[in-house]
Amino acid sequence: MLERGESSSETTFDFTTIDVPGASTTGALDINNEGVIVGRYASAGRTHGFVRSTAGELTTIDFPGAGFTVAGALNNRGDIVGWYTLPAAPVVRHGFLLRDGEFTTFDPPGSIFTNVLGINDHGEIVGRFCTLAICLPFPGNGEWHGFLLREGEFTTIDFPGSHETNVFKINDRGQIAGGYGTPDGNELPFVLSRKGKFTSIALPGAKQISQDNGGLNGRGDIVGIYCDGAPPCFFGPTRTHGYVLSANDFATIDVPGALATTAVGINTRGEIVGSSFDASGSGHGYLLRWGHLGVIAARRDANDDAEDSPRAGTFHAQKNCAQYSGLAGGFCTLTVSTLKQIPVGTKVVYASAATATALSSDLMLVPPPGNSVAFGHVELNRVTRTGTLTFSGGTGKFQHFSANVTISFLYPQNWAWDATYSFGNEGDPDDRD
């Protein structure tokens, strides 16, 4: 079991409220790397899903014929998953996938109650299900299980020795985040690696979590819900707090003035979504942008069994450019990297100066894994903040790499790169999964 550090006093939060016009309650449930948000809202006695664009435009999602629809999660391709009920059987919940405007419905075998809570860019879907006629949302009934749906095949996920397991999210590395019940009625978060290793996580102060929902991004940062007082921990309008944890750092999330707060989605930029509850019990969605001196997501937990990055996919990196003056020979240092071949601490040294509108420069990475140095080239349009990154030199593992990148400003001297990448056929086979 991993013990996580205490909350840092250096964490700062910037909240934006998300309310669907005319709704009695709104909840934000997930956010992708573009900043698109999905969730649920209630209006006139019905529950609907919604998607919120980066421009703030809201679109309702209703499964055809359903009286209850929730949009639970989305990926960077725009695929949305969730669950719904039909008026003829309001206690039976079914999962759905919405892709390119078409709904597909599914349920794990024997499920009466399906919650679909996560989908990654590979189309792998996770959630929880119950096989009882009436499924109670607290530990002890022993009929809650997590599931993974991969290439049309369901796999049940049960934390070893636990009477109850819930699964929340899956990232592109195949890591799965969830929660499980303990014999004393407590609930704890866990991470399941793609290789099948469970790691239980103890929050500081022996806090109990709610298994209702939580979030995981490509860097391995986790968000969730914890409760004050004795177990069990119910999700709802009292005594709940959101939290975010990464490496050895932990921070509580409380929306100012709210009676309770949840945190259930986080993207690679560190943007977080969840809900808050006011004195009337009404829920409000929120978007949280946060900063932390030292960037807590920069550090990977030493106990995580890191796996090689796939031969193609997406990656997120952040760099501190305090040592880059805009002149040749300046460098930036990576503080976050989801690509194993470019570890945190790598220096990115530029051979040419940047102009006001562009950066066209040879560069080298020092020290890349398995090399004394790796040589590449970057072409960036500083107006559109897009470009390409290629590597053809070096002595091994990082040759034949190319990526299309989008850059974004984080805070003074710190930038983020989000990219789609691939290794050519001549790359080192040792880098494969």
Protein backbone atom coordinates (compact mmCIF):
# COMPACT_ATOMS: atom_id res chain seq x y z
CA MET A 1 0.00 0.00 0.00
CA LEU A 2 1.26 3.45 -0.89
CA GLU A 3 1.13 6.24 1.68
CA ARG A 4 0.51 9.64 0.13
CA GLY A 5 1.86 12.93 1.49
CA GLU A 6 -0.05 15.67 3.27
CA SER A 7 -1.77 18.50 1.44
CA SER A 8 0.54 21.28 0.28
CA SER A 9 -0.13 24.86 1.33
CA GLU A 10 1.26 26.01 -2.02
CA THR A 11 -1.68 24.72 -4.07
CA THR A 12 -3.94 27.39 -5.61
CA PHE A 13 -7.30 26.84 -7.30
CA ASP A 14 -9.31 28.77 -9.92
CA PHE A 15 -12.94 27.59 -10.23
CA THR A 16 -15.43 28.10 -13.07
CA THR A 17 -19.07 27.15 -12.38
CA ILE A 18 -20.91 24.98 -14.93
CA ASP A 19 -24.71 25.13 -14.76
CA VAL A 20 -27.06 24.01 -17.52
CA PRO A 21 -29.65 26.80 -17.96
CA GLY A 22 -32.98 25.86 -16.38
CA ALA A 23 -31.59 22.78 -14.62
CA SER A 24 -32.33 22.07 -10.96
CA THR A 25 -28.93 20.42 -10.56
CA THR A 26 -25.82 19.96 -12.73
CA GLY A 27 -22.80 17.68 -12.37
CA ALA A 28 -19.60 17.63 -14.44
CA LEU A 29 -18.17 14.09 -14.73
CA ASP A 30 -15.18 14.07 -17.11
CA ILE A 31 -12.92 16.31 -19.21
CA ASN A 32 -10.65 15.42 -22.12
CA ASN A 33 -7.32 16.97 -23.11
CA GLU A 34 -9.05 19.50 -25.38
CA GLY A 35 -11.14 20.75 -22.45
CA VAL A 36 -14.45 19.25 -23.64
CA ILE A 37 -16.61 18.29 -20.63
CA VAL A 38 -19.44 15.76 -20.18
CA GLY A 39 -21.88 15.29 -17.32
CA ARG A 40 -25.48 15.16 -16.23
CA TYR A 41 -28.28 17.55 -15.31
CA ALA A 42 -31.84 17.32 -13.98
CA SER A 43 -34.78 19.27 -15.36
CA ALA A 44 -38.55 18.77 -15.09
CA GLY A 45 -38.14 15.43 -13.34
CA ARG A 46 -35.78 13.91 -15.93
CA THR A 47 -32.02 13.38 -15.97
CA HIS A 48 -30.09 14.15 -19.14
CA GLY A 49 -26.49 13.91 -20.24
CA PHE A 50 -24.66 16.88 -21.66
CA VAL A 51 -21.46 17.78 -23.48
CA ARG A 52 -19.84 21.20 -23.07
CA SER A 53 -17.53 22.45 -25.82
CA THR A 54 -14.33 24.40 -25.20
CA ALA A 55 -16.30 27.52 -26.18
CA GLY A 56 -18.83 26.81 -23.41
CA GLU A 57 -21.63 25.59 -25.70
CA LEU A 58 -23.89 22.96 -24.11
CA THR A 59 -25.54 20.08 -26.00
CA THR A 60 -28.02 17.64 -24.41
CA ILE A 61 -27.46 13.88 -24.77
CA ASP A 62 -30.48 11.57 -24.42
CA PHE A 63 -30.42 7.87 -25.25
CA PRO A 64 -33.41 7.23 -27.57
CA GLY A 65 -36.53 6.44 -25.55
CA ALA A 66 -34.75 6.74 -22.20
CA GLY A 67 -36.14 8.58 -19.20
CA PHE A 68 -32.72 8.87 -17.57
CA THR A 69 -29.37 9.43 -19.33
CA VAL A 70 -25.92 10.22 -17.93
CA ALA A 71 -22.84 11.07 -20.00
CA GLY A 72 -20.16 9.60 -17.75
CA ALA A 73 -16.88 10.00 -19.64
CA LEU A 74 -15.24 10.82 -22.97
CA ASN A 75 -11.92 10.41 -24.73
CA ASN A 76 -9.83 12.67 -26.95
CA ARG A 77 -11.50 11.26 -30.09
CA GLY A 78 -14.89 12.55 -28.92
CA ASP A 79 -16.33 9.12 -28.03
CA ILE A 80 -18.75 9.41 -25.09
CA VAL A 81 -19.84 6.64 -22.71
CA GLY A 82 -22.48 6.60 -20.02
CA TRP A 83 -25.63 4.84 -18.86
CA TYR A 84 -29.41 5.09 -19.20
CA THR A 85 -32.70 3.62 -17.99
CA LEU A 86 -35.94 2.96 -19.87
CA PRO A 87 -39.34 3.97 -18.42
CA ALA A 88 -40.55 0.34 -18.41
CA ALA A 89 -37.65 -0.76 -16.15
CA PRO A 90 -36.41 2.29 -14.23
CA VAL A 91 -34.20 0.29 -11.83
CA VAL A 92 -32.25 -1.42 -14.64
CA ARG A 93 -29.33 0.62 -15.93
CA HIS A 94 -27.57 -0.06 -19.24
CA GLY A 95 -24.27 1.18 -20.61
CA PHE A 96 -23.87 3.02 -23.89
CA LEU A 97 -21.21 4.26 -26.29
CA LEU A 98 -21.94 7.33 -28.42
CA ARG A 99 -19.59 7.52 -31.41
CA ASP A 100 -20.07 9.69 -34.50
CA GLY A 101 -23.70 10.30 -33.53
CA GLU A 102 -24.56 6.59 -33.20
CA PHE A 103 -25.48 4.86 -29.92
CA THR A 104 -24.33 1.34 -29.04
CA THR A 105 -25.67 -0.29 -25.89
CA PHE A 106 -23.91 -2.94 -23.77
CA ASP A 107 -23.90 -4.58 -20.32
CA PRO A 108 -21.50 -6.97 -18.58
CA PRO A 109 -22.99 -10.49 -18.41
CA GLY A 110 -25.62 -10.74 -15.66
CA SER A 111 -25.62 -7.02 -14.92
CA ILE A 112 -28.77 -5.36 -13.62
CA PHE A 113 -27.11 -2.03 -12.89
CA THR A 114 -24.31 -0.79 -15.18
CA ASN A 115 -22.34 2.44 -14.66
CA VAL A 116 -19.88 3.27 -17.45
CA LEU A 117 -17.30 5.71 -16.11
CA GLY A 118 -14.22 5.70 -18.35
CA ILE A 119 -12.96 5.34 -21.93
CA ASN A 120 -9.45 5.86 -23.33
CA ASP A 121 -8.25 6.72 -26.83
CA HIS A 122 -7.89 3.02 -27.67
CA GLY A 123 -11.63 2.56 -27.10
CA GLU A 124 -11.14 0.52 -23.92
CA ILE A 125 -14.10 1.07 -21.57
CA VAL A 126 -14.36 0.64 -17.79
CA GLY A 127 -17.02 0.95 -15.12
CA ARG A 128 -18.87 -1.00 -12.46
CA PHE A 129 -21.85 -3.34 -12.40
CA CYS A 130 -24.16 -5.11 -9.97
CA THR A 131 -26.09 -8.36 -10.39
CA LEU A 132 -28.68 -7.87 -7.64
CA ALA A 133 -32.28 -6.87 -8.34
CA ILE A 134 -31.73 -3.87 -6.05
CA CYS A 135 -28.16 -2.58 -5.89
CA LEU A 136 -27.33 -0.52 -2.82
CA PRO A 137 -24.61 2.14 -3.21
CA PHE A 138 -22.50 1.29 -0.18
CA PRO A 139 -20.03 -1.41 0.91
CA GLY A 140 -21.30 -4.68 2.26
CA ASN A 141 -23.73 -6.10 -0.27
CA GLY A 142 -20.87 -7.81 -2.08
CA GLU A 143 -22.33 -7.55 -5.56
CA TRP A 144 -20.44 -4.60 -7.03
CA HIS A 145 -17.67 -5.44 -9.47
CA GLY A 146 -15.50 -3.45 -11.83
CA PHE A 147 -15.30 -4.29 -15.51
CA LEU A 148 -13.07 -3.72 -18.52
CA LEU A 149 -14.48 -3.89 -22.04
CA ARG A 150 -11.66 -4.37 -24.56
CA GLU A 151 -12.18 -5.37 -28.20
CA GLY A 152 -15.69 -6.64 -27.45
CA GLU A 153 -14.65 -8.83 -24.50
CA PHE A 154 -15.66 -8.16 -20.88
CA THR A 155 -13.22 -8.78 -18.02
CA THR A 156 -14.44 -8.58 -14.41
CA ILE A 157 -12.16 -6.63 -12.06
CA ASP A 158 -12.22 -7.50 -8.34
CA PHE A 159 -9.65 -6.16 -5.88
CA PRO A 160 -8.06 -9.20 -4.17
CA GLY A 161 -9.79 -10.07 -0.90
CA SER A 162 -12.36 -7.28 -1.13
CA HIS A 163 -16.12 -7.74 -0.96
CA GLU A 164 -16.71 -4.85 -3.36
CA THR A 165 -14.86 -3.17 -6.25
CA ASN A 166 -15.64 -0.14 -8.38
CA VAL A 167 -13.65 1.01 -11.42
CA PHE A 168 -13.60 4.67 -12.48
CA LYS A 169 -11.20 5.47 -15.30
CA ILE A 170 -8.62 4.03 -17.71
CA ASN A 171 -5.82 6.00 -19.36
CA ASP A 172 -3.97 5.36 -22.62
CA ARG A 173 -1.21 3.49 -20.76
CA GLY A 174 -3.82 0.97 -19.68
CA GLN A 175 -3.70 2.01 -16.02
CA ILE A 176 -7.06 1.68 -14.28
CA ALA A 177 -8.18 3.66 -11.22
CA GLY A 178 -10.90 2.51 -8.86
CA GLY A 179 -11.91 1.91 -5.27
CA TYR A 180 -12.52 -1.12 -3.06
CA GLY A 181 -14.21 -1.89 0.25
CA THR A 182 -12.31 -3.04 3.34
CA PRO A 183 -13.63 -5.37 6.09
CA ASP A 184 -14.02 -2.45 8.53
CA GLY A 185 -16.40 -0.67 6.16
CA ASN A 186 -13.81 1.78 4.85
CA GLU A 187 -13.13 2.41 1.19
CA LEU A 188 -9.71 2.96 -0.40
CA PRO A 189 -8.51 3.93 -3.88
CA PHE A 190 -6.36 1.67 -6.03
CA VAL A 191 -4.51 1.67 -9.34
CA LEU A 192 -4.35 -1.43 -11.55
CA SER A 193 -1.47 -1.58 -14.04
CA ARG A 194 -1.89 -2.99 -17.54
CA LYS A 195 0.23 -5.94 -16.38
CA GLY A 196 -2.37 -6.76 -13.72
CA LYS A 197 -0.70 -5.39 -10.58
CA PHE A 198 -3.03 -3.83 -7.97
CA THR A 199 -1.64 -0.99 -5.83
CA SER A 200 -3.74 0.23 -2.89
CA ILE A 201 -3.38 3.88 -1.89
CA ALA A 202 -3.83 5.22 1.64
CA LEU A 203 -4.81 8.88 1.77
CA PRO A 204 -3.23 11.04 4.52
CA GLY A 205 -5.08 11.01 7.83
CA ALA A 206 -6.66 7.63 7.00
CA LYS A 207 -9.36 9.39 4.98
CA GLN A 208 -12.13 7.19 3.60
CA ILE A 209 -13.09 7.61 -0.03
CA SER A 210 -16.39 7.34 -1.84
CA GLN A 211 -16.40 4.62 -4.49
CA ASP A 212 -19.04 6.50 -6.47
CA ASN A 213 -16.58 7.98 -8.97
CA GLY A 214 -13.08 9.33 -9.51
CA GLY A 215 -10.62 10.33 -12.22
CA LEU A 216 -7.24 9.41 -13.71
CA ASN A 217 -5.15 11.11 -16.41
CA GLY A 218 -2.30 10.00 -18.65
CA ARG A 219 0.32 11.12 -16.13
CA GLY A 220 -1.15 8.95 -13.39
CA ASP A 221 -2.66 11.84 -11.39
CA ILE A 222 -5.80 10.77 -9.51
CA VAL A 223 -8.85 12.71 -8.33
CA GLY A 224 -11.70 11.46 -6.19
CA ILE A 225 -14.03 12.01 -3.26
CA TYR A 226 -13.39 11.55 0.46
CA CYS A 227 -15.62 12.00 3.50
CA ASP A 228 -15.45 13.35 7.02
CA GLY A 229 -16.55 11.13 9.88
CA ALA A 230 -17.15 7.42 10.20
CA PRO A 231 -17.70 5.07 7.25
CA PRO A 232 -19.45 4.35 5.01
CA CYS A 233 -18.67 7.32 2.77
CA PHE A 234 -21.74 8.32 0.78
CA PHE A 235 -21.53 10.56 -2.26
CA GLY A 236 -23.98 13.40 -1.69
CA PRO A 237 -24.64 16.92 -0.45
CA THR A 238 -22.92 16.58 2.95
CA ARG A 239 -19.41 16.07 4.34
CA THR A 240 -17.71 15.18 1.05
CA HIS A 241 -14.56 16.77 -0.34
CA GLY A 242 -12.71 16.40 -3.61
CA TYR A 243 -9.04 15.49 -3.66
CA VAL A 244 -6.15 15.32 -6.12
CA LEU A 245 -3.01 13.28 -5.58
CA SER A 246 0.16 12.76 -7.57
CA ALA A 247 3.48 11.21 -6.53
CA ASN A 248 3.82 12.15 -2.85
CA ASP A 249 1.50 15.16 -2.93
CA PHE A 250 -2.12 15.44 -1.85
CA ALA A 251 -4.53 18.38 -1.93
CA THR A 252 -8.14 18.79 -0.80
CA ILE A 253 -10.56 20.45 -3.24
CA ASP A 254 -13.43 22.47 -1.74
CA VAL A 255 -15.43 24.91 -3.85
CA PRO A 256 -15.67 28.17 -1.85
CA GLY A 257 -19.01 28.49 -0.05
CA ALA A 258 -20.15 24.96 -0.89
CA LEU A 259 -21.37 22.44 1.68
CA ALA A 260 -19.73 19.58 -0.21
CA THR A 261 -17.45 19.05 -3.20
CA THR A 262 -16.56 16.12 -5.46
CA ALA A 263 -13.71 15.70 -7.98
CA VAL A 264 -14.24 13.04 -10.65
CA GLY A 265 -12.33 13.97 -13.83
CA ILE A 266 -8.82 15.23 -14.66
CA ASN A 267 -7.01 15.69 -17.98
CA THR A 268 -3.29 15.79 -18.77
CA ARG A 269 -3.26 19.58 -18.41
CA GLY A 270 -4.33 19.17 -14.79
CA GLU A 271 -7.82 20.60 -15.39
CA ILE A 272 -10.31 19.03 -12.97
CA VAL A 273 -14.10 18.71 -13.05
CA GLY A 274 -16.63 17.74 -10.43
CA SER A 275 -19.65 19.01 -8.52
CA SER A 276 -20.41 21.20 -5.53
CA PHE A 277 -23.55 21.34 -3.41
CA ASP A 278 -25.12 24.49 -1.99
CA ALA A 279 -27.27 24.97 1.13
CA SER A 280 -30.42 23.91 -0.74
CA GLY A 281 -28.81 20.63 -1.81
CA SER A 282 -28.62 21.64 -5.47
CA GLY A 283 -25.57 20.51 -7.39
CA HIS A 284 -23.40 22.68 -9.62
CA GLY A 285 -20.68 21.50 -11.95
CA TYR A 286 -17.27 23.14 -11.91
CA LEU A 287 -14.07 23.36 -13.92
CA LEU A 288 -10.90 23.82 -11.90
CA ARG A 289 -7.59 25.07 -13.20
CA TRP A 290 -4.88 24.78 -10.62
CA GLY A 291 -1.23 25.56 -10.06
CA HIS A 292 1.36 24.18 -7.67
CA LEU A 293 4.86 25.46 -7.01
CA GLY A 294 7.13 22.64 -8.11
CA VAL A 295 4.38 21.09 -10.28
CA ILE A 296 3.24 18.04 -8.34
CA ALA A 297 2.58 16.02 -11.47
CA ALA A 298 6.25 16.27 -12.41
CA ARG A 299 7.20 13.38 -10.17
CA ARG A 300 6.38 9.75 -10.89
CA ASP A 301 5.78 7.49 -7.91
CA ALA A 302 8.80 5.24 -7.36
CA ASN A 303 6.53 2.27 -6.65
CA ASP A 304 4.65 2.47 -9.96
CA ASP A 305 5.68 -0.35 -12.28
CA ALA A 306 6.17 1.96 -15.27
CA GLU A 307 5.78 0.32 -18.65
CA ASP A 308 7.34 1.22 -21.99
CA SER A 309 5.30 3.68 -24.03
CA PRO A 310 3.46 2.20 -27.04
CA ARG A 311 4.99 2.53 -30.51
CA ALA A 312 2.39 5.17 -31.38
CA GLY A 313 -0.08 7.23 -29.40
CA THR A 314 -0.38 10.51 -27.54
CA PHE A 315 1.89 12.10 -24.99
CA HIS A 316 1.90 15.13 -22.70
CA ALA A 317 4.99 16.97 -21.52
CA GLN A 318 5.69 20.12 -19.54
CA LYS A 319 8.95 22.02 -19.50
CA ASN A 320 10.51 24.79 -17.45
CA CYS A 321 12.39 27.23 -19.68
CA ALA A 322 14.03 29.41 -17.04
CA GLN A 323 17.40 28.59 -18.70
CA TYR A 324 16.19 29.50 -22.19
CA SER A 325 16.67 33.14 -23.17
CA GLY A 326 15.54 32.72 -26.77
CA LEU A 327 19.13 32.39 -27.98
CA ALA A 328 21.01 29.43 -29.46
CA GLY A 329 22.30 27.07 -26.80
CA GLY A 330 19.51 27.82 -24.35
CA PHE A 331 17.64 24.88 -22.89
CA CYS A 332 14.43 23.86 -21.16
CA THR A 333 14.06 21.06 -18.60
CA LEU A 334 11.21 18.55 -18.66
CA THR A 335 9.16 18.58 -15.45
CA VAL A 336 6.39 16.27 -16.72
CA SER A 337 6.51 13.52 -19.33
CA THR A 338 4.11 10.68 -20.09
CA LEU A 339 6.53 9.20 -22.64
CA LYS A 340 8.98 6.83 -20.96
CA GLN A 341 11.64 7.44 -23.62
CA ILE A 342 11.85 11.13 -22.58
CA PRO A 343 12.13 11.05 -18.77
CA VAL A 344 11.53 13.93 -16.38
CA GLY A 345 14.77 15.89 -15.92
CA THR A 346 15.81 15.66 -19.59
CA LYS A 347 17.31 18.89 -20.96
CA VAL A 348 16.07 20.07 -24.37
CA VAL A 349 18.95 22.10 -25.87
CA TYR A 350 18.24 24.33 -28.89
CA ALA A 351 20.79 25.13 -31.62
CA SER A 352 18.96 28.13 -33.08
CA ALA A 353 17.22 31.18 -31.67
CA ALA A 354 13.45 31.64 -31.78
CA THR A 355 11.81 34.52 -33.62
CA ALA A 356 8.62 36.28 -32.59
CA THR A 357 6.54 33.99 -34.80
CA ALA A 358 8.48 30.73 -35.20
CA LEU A 359 11.06 28.33 -33.86
CA SER A 360 13.02 26.33 -36.44
CA SER A 361 15.89 24.62 -34.72
CA ASP A 362 17.95 21.49 -34.43
CA LEU A 363 17.92 20.24 -30.87
CA MET A 364 19.29 17.54 -28.66
CA LEU A 365 18.02 15.69 -25.61
CA VAL A 366 20.44 15.26 -22.71
CA PRO A 367 20.42 12.56 -21.43
CA PRO A 368 17.93 10.40 -23.33
CA PRO A 369 17.62 6.82 -22.10
CA GLY A 370 20.23 4.50 -23.57
CA ASN A 371 22.03 7.25 -25.49
CA SER A 372 24.81 9.72 -24.83
CA VAL A 373 22.69 12.21 -26.78
CA ALA A 374 19.77 12.23 -29.23
CA PHE A 375 19.57 14.68 -32.12
CA GLY A 376 16.39 16.04 -33.64
CA HIS A 377 14.64 19.00 -35.20
CA VAL A 378 11.64 21.10 -34.21
CA GLU A 379 9.45 23.35 -36.36
CA LEU A 380 6.96 25.46 -34.40
CA ASN A 381 4.56 28.17 -35.48
CA ARG A 382 4.39 30.40 -32.41
CA VAL A 383 1.21 32.07 -33.68
CA THR A 384 -0.88 28.91 -34.12
CA ARG A 385 1.20 27.11 -31.44
CA THR A 386 1.46 23.97 -33.56
CA GLY A 387 4.38 22.17 -35.16
CA THR A 388 6.41 19.01 -35.67
CA LEU A 389 9.18 17.25 -33.75
CA THR A 390 11.45 14.60 -35.29
CA PHE A 391 14.50 12.60 -34.19
CA SER A 392 16.83 10.79 -36.57
CA GLY A 393 20.19 10.79 -34.76
CA GLY A 394 21.61 9.24 -31.65
CA THR A 395 22.74 5.73 -30.92
CA GLY A 396 19.60 3.72 -30.23
CA LYS A 397 16.27 3.94 -28.53
CA PHE A 398 15.02 7.34 -29.62
CA GLN A 399 15.76 7.22 -33.34
CA HIS A 400 13.00 7.34 -35.99
CA PHE A 401 10.58 9.29 -33.78
CA SER A 402 8.14 11.89 -35.11
CA ALA A 403 5.31 13.87 -33.53
CA ASN A 404 2.74 16.54 -34.31
CA VAL A 405 2.64 18.88 -31.33
CA THR A 406 0.41 21.59 -29.88
CA ILE A 407 1.96 23.91 -27.31
CA SER A 408 0.21 25.90 -24.58
CA PHE A 409 1.40 28.44 -22.02
CA LEU A 410 1.00 27.35 -18.40
CA TYR A 411 2.59 30.07 -16.29
CA PRO A 412 5.81 32.14 -16.49
CA GLN A 413 8.62 30.16 -18.17
CA ASN A 414 6.56 26.94 -18.23
CA TRP A 415 4.97 25.38 -21.31
CA ALA A 416 3.00 22.23 -22.13
CA TRP A 417 3.34 20.05 -25.23
CA ASP A 418 0.53 17.72 -26.26
CA ALA A 419 1.32 15.48 -29.20
CA THR A 420 0.50 12.46 -31.30
CA TYR A 421 3.66 10.46 -31.98
CA SER A 422 5.02 7.34 -33.64
CA PHE A 423 8.29 5.42 -33.82
CA GLY A 424 9.31 4.30 -37.31
CA ASN A 425 9.85 0.66 -38.20
CA GLU A 426 13.59 0.97 -37.64
CA GLY A 427 13.17 2.00 -33.99
CA ASP A 428 14.57 -0.13 -31.24
CA PRO A 429 12.21 -3.09 -30.59
CA ASP A 430 13.12 -2.93 -26.91
CA ASP A 431 10.78 0.06 -26.64
CA ARG A 432 7.71 -2.02 -27.42
CA ASP A 433 5.10 -2.90 -24.80
